[in-house]
C-alpha atoms as a PDB file:
ATOM      1  CA  UNK A   1      22.038  -0.050   5.451  1.00  0.00           C
ATOM      2  CA  UNK A   2      20.431   3.110   6.795  1.00  0.00           C
ATOM      3  CA  UNK A   3      17.023   2.680   8.443  1.00  0.00           C
ATOM      4  CA  UNK A   4      13.848   2.563   6.380  1.00  0.00           C
ATOM      5  CA  UNK A   5      11.265   5.228   7.177  1.00  0.00           C
ATOM      6  CA  UNK A   6       7.740   3.909   7.749  1.00  0.00           C
ATOM      7  CA  UNK A   7       5.164   6.676   7.503  1.00  0.00           C
ATOM      8  CA  UNK A   8       2.324   5.252   9.576  1.00  0.00           C
ATOM      9  CA  UNK A   9      -0.783   7.015   8.341  1.00  0.00           C
ATOM     10  CA  UNK A  10      -3.314   4.876  10.198  1.00  0.00           C
ATOM     11  CA  UNK A  11      -3.821   1.863  12.450  1.00  0.00           C
ATOM     12  CA  UNK A  12      -5.764  -1.364  12.394  1.00  0.00           C
ATOM     13  CA  UNK A  13      -8.882  -2.386  14.344  1.00  0.00           C
ATOM     14  CA  UNK A  14      -8.286  -2.764  18.080  1.00  0.00           C
ATOM     15  CA  UNK A  15      -9.596  -6.331  17.918  1.00  0.00           C
ATOM     16  CA  UNK A  16      -7.221  -7.205  15.083  1.00  0.00           C
ATOM     17  CA  UNK A  17      -4.282  -5.524  16.814  1.00  0.00           C
ATOM     18  CA  UNK A  18      -4.777  -7.590  19.954  1.00  0.00           C
ATOM     19  CA  UNK A  19      -4.395 -10.805  17.980  1.00  0.00           C
ATOM     20  CA  UNK A  20      -2.146  -9.850  15.091  1.00  0.00           C
ATOM     21  CA  UNK A  21      -0.355  -6.615  16.052  1.00  0.00           C
ATOM     22  CA  UNK A  22      -0.487  -3.345  14.119  1.00  0.00           C
ATOM     23  CA  UNK A  23       0.871  -2.017  10.827  1.00  0.00           C
ATOM     24  CA  UNK A  24       4.398  -1.385  12.048  1.00  0.00           C
ATOM     25  CA  UNK A  25       4.781  -5.021  13.147  1.00  0.00           C
ATOM     26  CA  UNK A  26       3.315  -6.330   9.895  1.00  0.00           C
ATOM     27  CA  UNK A  27       5.680  -4.231   7.808  1.00  0.00           C
ATOM     28  CA  UNK A  28       8.683  -5.120   9.932  1.00  0.00           C
ATOM     29  CA  UNK A  29       7.897  -8.804   9.468  1.00  0.00           C
ATOM     30  CA  UNK A  30       7.092  -8.424   5.774  1.00  0.00           C
ATOM     31  CA  UNK A  31      10.192  -6.395   5.021  1.00  0.00           C
ATOM     32  CA  UNK A  32      12.264  -8.844   7.045  1.00  0.00           C
ATOM     33  CA  UNK A  33      14.150  -6.159   8.980  1.00  0.00           C
ATOM     34  CA  UNK A  34      15.040  -5.722  12.640  1.00  0.00           C
ATOM     35  CA  UNK A  35      13.125  -3.233  14.783  1.00  0.00           C
ATOM     36  CA  UNK A  36      16.041  -0.793  14.789  1.00  0.00           C
ATOM     37  CA  UNK A  37      16.135  -0.859  10.973  1.00  0.00           C
ATOM     38  CA  UNK A  38      12.632   0.600  10.718  1.00  0.00           C
ATOM     39  CA  UNK A  39      11.957   4.131  11.927  1.00  0.00           C
ATOM     40  CA  UNK A  40       8.206   4.537  12.460  1.00  0.00           C
ATOM     41  CA  UNK A  41       6.703   8.035  12.305  1.00  0.00           C
ATOM     42  CA  UNK A  42       3.033   8.249  13.341  1.00  0.00           C
ATOM     43  CA  UNK A  43       2.115  11.121  11.042  1.00  0.00           C
ATOM     44  CA  UNK A  44      -1.637  10.569  11.467  1.00  0.00           C
ATOM     45  CA  UNK A  45      -1.191  11.334  15.183  1.00  0.00           C
ATOM     46  CA  UNK A  46       0.594  14.597  14.473  1.00  0.00           C
ATOM     47  CA  UNK A  47       4.191  13.384  14.648  1.00  0.00           C
ATOM     48  CA  UNK A  48       6.425  15.670  12.570  1.00  0.00           C
ATOM     49  CA  UNK A  49       7.825  14.492   9.289  1.00  0.00           C
ATOM     50  CA  UNK A  50      11.619  14.185   9.111  1.00  0.00           C
ATOM     51  CA  UNK A  51      13.413  17.342   8.109  1.00  0.00           C
ATOM     52  CA  UNK A  52      15.943  15.451   5.999  1.00  0.00           C
ATOM     53  CA  UNK A  53      15.769  12.722   3.364  1.00  0.00           C
ATOM     54  CA  UNK A  54      18.514  10.486   4.693  1.00  0.00           C
ATOM     55  CA  UNK A  55      16.669   7.160   5.083  1.00  0.00           C
ATOM     56  CA  UNK A  56      17.424   4.203   2.842  1.00  0.00           C
ATOM     57  CA  UNK A  57      13.847   4.323   1.592  1.00  0.00           C
ATOM     58  CA  UNK A  58      10.301   5.296   2.532  1.00  0.00           C
ATOM     59  CA  UNK A  59       7.258   3.054   2.966  1.00  0.00           C
ATOM     60  CA  UNK A  60       3.763   4.513   3.449  1.00  0.00           C
ATOM     61  CA  UNK A  61       1.080   2.384   5.133  1.00  0.00           C
ATOM     62  CA  UNK A  62      -2.661   2.067   4.671  1.00  0.00           C
ATOM     63  CA  UNK A  63      -5.146   4.103   6.689  1.00  0.00           C
ATOM     64  CA  UNK A  64      -8.741   4.512   7.836  1.00  0.00           C
ATOM     65  CA  UNK A  65      -8.592   8.034   6.436  1.00  0.00           C
ATOM     66  CA  UNK A  66      -9.455   8.951   2.859  1.00  0.00           C
ATOM     67  CA  UNK A  67      -7.037  10.861   0.658  1.00  0.00           C
ATOM     68  CA  UNK A  68     -10.002  12.930  -0.551  1.00  0.00           C
ATOM     69  CA  UNK A  69     -10.484  14.309   2.985  1.00  0.00           C
ATOM     70  CA  UNK A  70      -7.258  16.319   2.486  1.00  0.00           C
ATOM     71  CA  UNK A  71      -6.306  16.130   6.165  1.00  0.00           C
ATOM     72  CA  UNK A  72      -3.411  18.509   6.980  1.00  0.00           C
ATOM     73  CA  UNK A  73      -1.090  15.634   7.963  1.00  0.00           C
ATOM     74  CA  UNK A  74      -1.978  13.861   4.714  1.00  0.00           C
ATOM     75  CA  UNK A  75      -1.321  16.875   2.513  1.00  0.00           C
ATOM     76  CA  UNK A  76       1.978  17.480   4.332  1.00  0.00           C
ATOM     77  CA  UNK A  77       2.900  13.830   3.753  1.00  0.00           C
ATOM     78  CA  UNK A  78       2.060  14.174   0.056  1.00  0.00           C
ATOM     79  CA  UNK A  79       4.384  17.163  -0.229  1.00  0.00           C
ATOM     80  CA  UNK A  80       7.101  15.236   1.607  1.00  0.00           C
ATOM     81  CA  UNK A  81       6.738  12.286  -0.779  1.00  0.00           C
ATOM     82  CA  UNK A  82       6.841  14.561  -3.803  1.00  0.00           C
ATOM     83  CA  UNK A  83      10.124  16.068  -2.638  1.00  0.00           C
ATOM     84  CA  UNK A  84      11.551  12.661  -1.747  1.00  0.00           C
ATOM     85  CA  UNK A  85      10.757  11.283  -5.201  1.00  0.00           C
ATOM     86  CA  UNK A  86      12.181  14.360  -6.910  1.00  0.00           C
ATOM     87  CA  UNK A  87      15.394  13.768  -4.932  1.00  0.00           C
ATOM     88  CA  UNK A  88      15.480  10.168  -6.153  1.00  0.00           C
ATOM     89  CA  UNK A  89      14.681   8.520  -2.815  1.00  0.00           C
ATOM     90  CA  UNK A  90      13.056   5.065  -3.117  1.00  0.00           C
ATOM     91  CA  UNK A  91       9.386   5.073  -2.071  1.00  0.00           C
ATOM     92  CA  UNK A  92       6.784   2.334  -1.721  1.00  0.00           C
ATOM     93  CA  UNK A  93       3.202   3.470  -1.138  1.00  0.00           C
ATOM     94  CA  UNK A  94       0.747   0.800   0.048  1.00  0.00           C
ATOM     95  CA  UNK A  95      -3.049   1.195  -0.303  1.00  0.00           C
ATOM     96  CA  UNK A  96      -3.555   4.704   1.169  1.00  0.00           C
ATOM     97  CA  UNK A  97       0.143   5.277   0.470  1.00  0.00           C
ATOM     98  CA  UNK A  98      -0.399   4.234  -3.151  1.00  0.00           C
ATOM     99  CA  UNK A  99      -3.245   6.723  -3.481  1.00  0.00           C
ATOM    100  CA  UNK A 100      -1.308   9.444  -1.667  1.00  0.00           C
ATOM    101  CA  UNK A 101       1.651   9.042  -4.014  1.00  0.00           C
ATOM    102  CA  UNK A 102      -0.644   9.371  -7.021  1.00  0.00           C
ATOM    103  CA  UNK A 103      -2.313  12.434  -5.474  1.00  0.00           C
ATOM    104  CA  UNK A 104       1.085  14.008  -4.733  1.00  0.00           C
ATOM    105  CA  UNK A 105       1.898  13.975  -8.446  1.00  0.00           C
ATOM    106  CA  UNK A 106      -1.443  15.165  -9.762  1.00  0.00           C
ATOM    107  CA  UNK A 107      -3.326  11.879 -10.140  1.00  0.00           C
ATOM    108  CA  UNK A 108      -7.017  11.601  -9.292  1.00  0.00           C
ATOM    109  CA  UNK A 109      -8.112   9.618  -6.219  1.00  0.00           C
ATOM    110  CA  UNK A 110     -11.724   8.910  -5.317  1.00  0.00           C
ATOM    111  CA  UNK A 111     -14.252   6.283  -4.326  1.00  0.00           C
ATOM    112  CA  UNK A 112     -13.899   3.338  -6.664  1.00  0.00           C
ATOM    113  CA  UNK A 113     -16.883   3.365  -9.064  1.00  0.00           C
ATOM    114  CA  UNK A 114     -16.607  -0.438  -9.157  1.00  0.00           C
ATOM    115  CA  UNK A 115     -17.173  -0.630  -5.407  1.00  0.00           C
ATOM    116  CA  UNK A 116     -15.288  -1.942  -2.401  1.00  0.00           C
ATOM    117  CA  UNK A 117     -12.481  -4.437  -2.950  1.00  0.00           C
ATOM    118  CA  UNK A 118     -11.782  -6.908  -0.139  1.00  0.00           C
ATOM    119  CA  UNK A 119     -10.172 -10.311   0.297  1.00  0.00           C
ATOM    120  CA  UNK A 120      -7.804 -11.917  -2.183  1.00  0.00           C
ATOM    121  CA  UNK A 121      -7.296 -10.436  -5.652  1.00  0.00           C
ATOM    122  CA  UNK A 122      -5.429 -11.386  -8.797  1.00  0.00           C
ATOM    123  CA  UNK A 123      -3.379  -8.603 -10.385  1.00  0.00           C
ATOM    124  CA  UNK A 124      -2.342  -8.901 -14.016  1.00  0.00           C
ATOM    125  CA  UNK A 125       1.106  -7.425 -14.563  1.00  0.00           C
ATOM    126  CA  UNK A 126       1.657  -5.252 -17.621  1.00  0.00           C
ATOM    127  CA  UNK A 127       4.447  -5.629 -20.163  1.00  0.00           C
ATOM    128  CA  UNK A 128       6.272  -2.778 -18.417  1.00  0.00           C
ATOM    129  CA  UNK A 129       6.440  -4.858 -15.217  1.00  0.00           C
ATOM    130  CA  UNK A 130       8.747  -7.350 -16.939  1.00  0.00           C
ATOM    131  CA  UNK A 131      11.588  -4.829 -16.812  1.00  0.00           C
ATOM    132  CA  UNK A 132      10.544  -3.014 -13.644  1.00  0.00           C
ATOM    133  CA  UNK A 133      13.120  -3.203 -10.812  1.00  0.00           C
ATOM    134  CA  UNK A 134      10.458  -4.090  -8.230  1.00  0.00           C
ATOM    135  CA  UNK A 135       8.221  -6.466 -10.198  1.00  0.00           C
ATOM    136  CA  UNK A 136      10.453  -8.074 -12.825  1.00  0.00           C
ATOM    137  CA  UNK A 137      10.287 -11.857 -12.549  1.00  0.00           C
ATOM    138  CA  UNK A 138       7.037 -11.977 -10.589  1.00  0.00           C
ATOM    139  CA  UNK A 139       4.303 -14.284 -11.822  1.00  0.00           C
ATOM    140  CA  UNK A 140       1.167 -12.898 -13.435  1.00  0.00           C
ATOM    141  CA  UNK A 141      -1.480 -12.840 -12.164  1.00  0.00           C
ATOM    142  CA  UNK A 142      -0.046 -11.816  -8.809  1.00  0.00           C
ATOM    143  CA  UNK A 143      -2.143 -13.116  -5.902  1.00  0.00           C
ATOM    144  CA  UNK A 144      -2.450 -10.434  -3.201  1.00  0.00           C
ATOM    145  CA  UNK A 145      -4.666  -9.275  -0.317  1.00  0.00           C
ATOM    146  CA  UNK A 146      -6.799  -6.129  -0.653  1.00  0.00           C
ATOM    147  CA  UNK A 147      -9.058  -3.960   1.506  1.00  0.00           C
ATOM    148  CA  UNK A 148     -10.153  -0.522   0.268  1.00  0.00           C
ATOM    149  CA  UNK A 149     -13.018   1.556  -1.063  1.00  0.00           C
ATOM    150  CA  UNK A 150     -11.057   4.415  -2.671  1.00  0.00           C
ATOM    151  CA  UNK A 151      -8.583   3.935  -5.483  1.00  0.00           C
ATOM    152  CA  UNK A 152      -6.535   5.769  -8.094  1.00  0.00           C
ATOM    153  CA  UNK A 153      -9.039   6.856 -10.746  1.00  0.00           C
ATOM    154  CA  UNK A 154      -6.486   8.559 -13.014  1.00  0.00           C
ATOM    155  CA  UNK A 155      -2.729   8.024 -12.892  1.00  0.00           C
ATOM    156  CA  UNK A 156      -0.377  11.005 -12.689  1.00  0.00           C
ATOM    157  CA  UNK A 157       1.021  12.183 -16.001  1.00  0.00           C
ATOM    158  CA  UNK A 158       4.114  10.170 -16.898  1.00  0.00           C
ATOM    159  CA  UNK A 159       3.429   7.332 -14.449  1.00  0.00           C
ATOM    160  CA  UNK A 160       4.114   3.793 -15.682  1.00  0.00           C
ATOM    161  CA  UNK A 161       1.254   1.331 -15.206  1.00  0.00           C
ATOM    162  CA  UNK A 162       2.564  -1.963 -13.825  1.00  0.00           C
ATOM    163  CA  UNK A 163      -0.482  -3.910 -12.699  1.00  0.00           C
ATOM    164  CA  UNK A 164      -4.228  -3.999 -13.213  1.00  0.00           C
ATOM    165  CA  UNK A 165      -7.223  -6.015 -12.043  1.00  0.00           C
ATOM    166  CA  UNK A 166     -10.971  -6.111 -12.637  1.00  0.00           C
ATOM    167  CA  UNK A 167     -11.850  -3.699  -9.811  1.00  0.00           C
ATOM    168  CA  UNK A 168      -8.684  -1.563  -9.923  1.00  0.00           C
ATOM    169  CA  UNK A 169      -7.371  -0.693 -13.394  1.00  0.00           C
ATOM    170  CA  UNK A 170      -4.480   1.252 -11.801  1.00  0.00           C
ATOM    171  CA  UNK A 171      -3.494  -1.298  -9.182  1.00  0.00           C
ATOM    172  CA  UNK A 172       0.275  -0.747  -9.418  1.00  0.00           C
ATOM    173  CA  UNK A 173       2.397   2.001 -10.946  1.00  0.00           C
ATOM    174  CA  UNK A 174       5.819   3.586 -10.869  1.00  0.00           C
ATOM    175  CA  UNK A 175       6.803   7.239 -10.909  1.00  0.00           C
ATOM    176  CA  UNK A 176      10.320   7.951 -12.090  1.00  0.00           C
ATOM    177  CA  UNK A 177      12.841   5.195 -11.458  1.00  0.00           C
ATOM    178  CA  UNK A 178      12.303   4.331  -7.792  1.00  0.00           C
ATOM    179  CA  UNK A 179       8.824   5.228  -6.504  1.00  0.00           C
ATOM    180  CA  UNK A 180       6.043   2.652  -6.548  1.00  0.00           C
ATOM    181  CA  UNK A 181       2.405   2.539  -5.560  1.00  0.00           C
ATOM    182  CA  UNK A 182       0.549  -0.734  -4.960  1.00  0.00           C
ATOM    183  CA  UNK A 183      -3.144  -0.765  -4.061  1.00  0.00           C
ATOM    184  CA  UNK A 184      -2.854  -4.173  -2.403  1.00  0.00           C
ATOM    185  CA  UNK A 185      -1.644  -4.871   1.136  1.00  0.00           C
ATOM    186  CA  UNK A 186       1.620  -6.819   0.766  1.00  0.00           C
ATOM    187  CA  UNK A 187       1.961  -6.771   4.564  1.00  0.00           C
ATOM    188  CA  UNK A 188      -1.314  -8.719   5.030  1.00  0.00           C
ATOM    189  CA  UNK A 189      -1.409 -12.447   5.582  1.00  0.00           C
ATOM    190  CA  UNK A 190      -4.463 -14.504   4.648  1.00  0.00           C
ATOM    191  CA  UNK A 191      -5.435 -14.438   8.341  1.00  0.00           C
ATOM    192  CA  UNK A 192      -5.254 -10.637   8.366  1.00  0.00           C
ATOM    193  CA  UNK A 193      -7.368 -10.466   5.235  1.00  0.00           C
ATOM    194  CA  UNK A 194     -10.030 -12.679   6.806  1.00  0.00           C
ATOM    195  CA  UNK A 195      -9.999 -10.622  10.002  1.00  0.00           C
ATOM    196  CA  UNK A 196     -10.646  -7.437   8.013  1.00  0.00           C
ATOM    197  CA  UNK A 197     -13.609  -8.966   6.213  1.00  0.00           C
ATOM    198  CA  UNK A 198     -15.038 -10.171   9.521  1.00  0.00           C
ATOM    199  CA  UNK A 199     -14.621  -6.760  11.129  1.00  0.00           C
ATOM    200  CA  UNK A 200     -16.347  -5.040   8.202  1.00  0.00           C
ATOM    201  CA  UNK A 201     -18.920  -7.751   7.452  1.00  0.00           C
ATOM    202  CA  UNK A 202     -21.955  -5.537   8.199  1.00  0.00           C
ATOM    203  CA  UNK A 203     -20.664  -2.714   5.990  1.00  0.00           C
ATOM    204  CA  UNK A 204     -19.729  -5.166   3.241  1.00  0.00           C
ATOM    205  CA  UNK A 205     -23.203  -6.718   3.309  1.00  0.00           C
ATOM    206  CA  UNK A 206     -24.871  -3.275   3.327  1.00  0.00           C
ATOM    207  CA  UNK A 207     -22.959  -2.467   0.131  1.00  0.00           C
ATOM    208  CA  UNK A 208     -24.434  -5.508  -1.584  1.00  0.00           C
ATOM    209  CA  UNK A 209     -21.428  -7.824  -1.284  1.00  0.00           C
ATOM    210  CA  UNK A 210     -21.344 -11.266   0.333  1.00  0.00           C
ATOM    211  CA  UNK A 211     -18.846 -11.360   3.232  1.00  0.00           C
ATOM    212  CA  UNK A 212     -19.073 -15.153   3.469  1.00  0.00           C
ATOM    213  CA  UNK A 213     -18.156 -15.512  -0.189  1.00  0.00           C
ATOM    214  CA  UNK A 214     -15.250 -13.106   0.255  1.00  0.00           C
ATOM    215  CA  UNK A 215     -14.042 -15.087   3.269  1.00  0.00           C
ATOM    216  CA  UNK A 216     -14.244 -18.320   1.322  1.00  0.00           C
ATOM    217  CA  UNK A 217     -12.224 -16.751  -1.483  1.00  0.00           C
ATOM    218  CA  UNK A 218      -9.259 -15.716   0.669  1.00  0.00           C
ATOM    219  CA  UNK A 219      -6.122 -17.601  -0.378  1.00  0.00           C
ATOM    220  CA  UNK A 220      -2.644 -17.911   1.070  1.00  0.00           C
ATOM    221  CA  UNK A 221       0.069 -16.178  -0.946  1.00  0.00           C
ATOM    222  CA  UNK A 222       3.659 -15.179  -0.315  1.00  0.00           C
ATOM    223  CA  UNK A 223       3.657 -12.634  -3.147  1.00  0.00           C
ATOM    224  CA  UNK A 224       3.283  -9.687  -0.760  1.00  0.00           C
ATOM    225  CA  UNK A 225       6.247 -10.710   1.366  1.00  0.00           C
ATOM    226  CA  UNK A 226       8.368 -11.283  -1.723  1.00  0.00           C
ATOM    227  CA  UNK A 227       7.437  -7.837  -3.025  1.00  0.00           C
ATOM    228  CA  UNK A 228       8.376  -6.136   0.261  1.00  0.00           C
ATOM    229  CA  UNK A 229      11.693  -7.978   0.414  1.00  0.00           C
ATOM    230  CA  UNK A 230      12.458  -7.104  -3.177  1.00  0.00           C
ATOM    231  CA  UNK A 231      12.019  -3.446  -2.186  1.00  0.00           C
ATOM    232  CA  UNK A 232      14.505  -3.932   0.681  1.00  0.00           C
ATOM    233  CA  UNK A 233      16.951  -5.620  -1.704  1.00  0.00           C
ATOM    234  CA  UNK A 234      16.720  -2.613  -4.033  1.00  0.00           C
ATOM    235  CA  UNK A 235      17.652  -0.318  -1.143  1.00  0.00           C
ATOM    236  CA  UNK A 236      20.791  -2.310  -0.463  1.00  0.00           C
END
């Protein structure tokens, strides 16, 4: 199989990276591919986007940035994703990537009016998910890890809603036949999820949430890994 392109649009906390590694390692492990099977492009650092669309598929990571900031590298990445999807290339957008994919096709992204979402979440799959190539056969609710304050407020026209939860009505969607956005972090483990809550505990508390309660609510789940490996299987 041709390499998978990982558009790295951000990085984790330095403290988390020292113990757990960074996004590229998490995705490599979650996808279950060798290092040489994953081409990482650090677009948030100014690395150029590929000039061709010859990868097996494209995965877009999470980020510290906000889609609403319209950073030049982000807008360029959105245009790249739009062309990739129009050419029929498989795409999986994660968290920021999920929002960026929606933005690329005219959806509305903004700060979630329901507030920050962190820790472990349960996502109810829609009827459309039962026949979706990526999510068919998955249990509902799907137990996943989350960490974000912006979300997809309005889906792009023609997008298929695949998953919803109390704080994110548009948690998962598909555009066309082979482009998916998931607001969760399928690359996170429970330990990663806890580390994120601990790193942001002051901000979480300032927003009126209880970081200790969120920590206590974190649960182990292999759903994220299974989702990433289903995406790889689709590429093959």
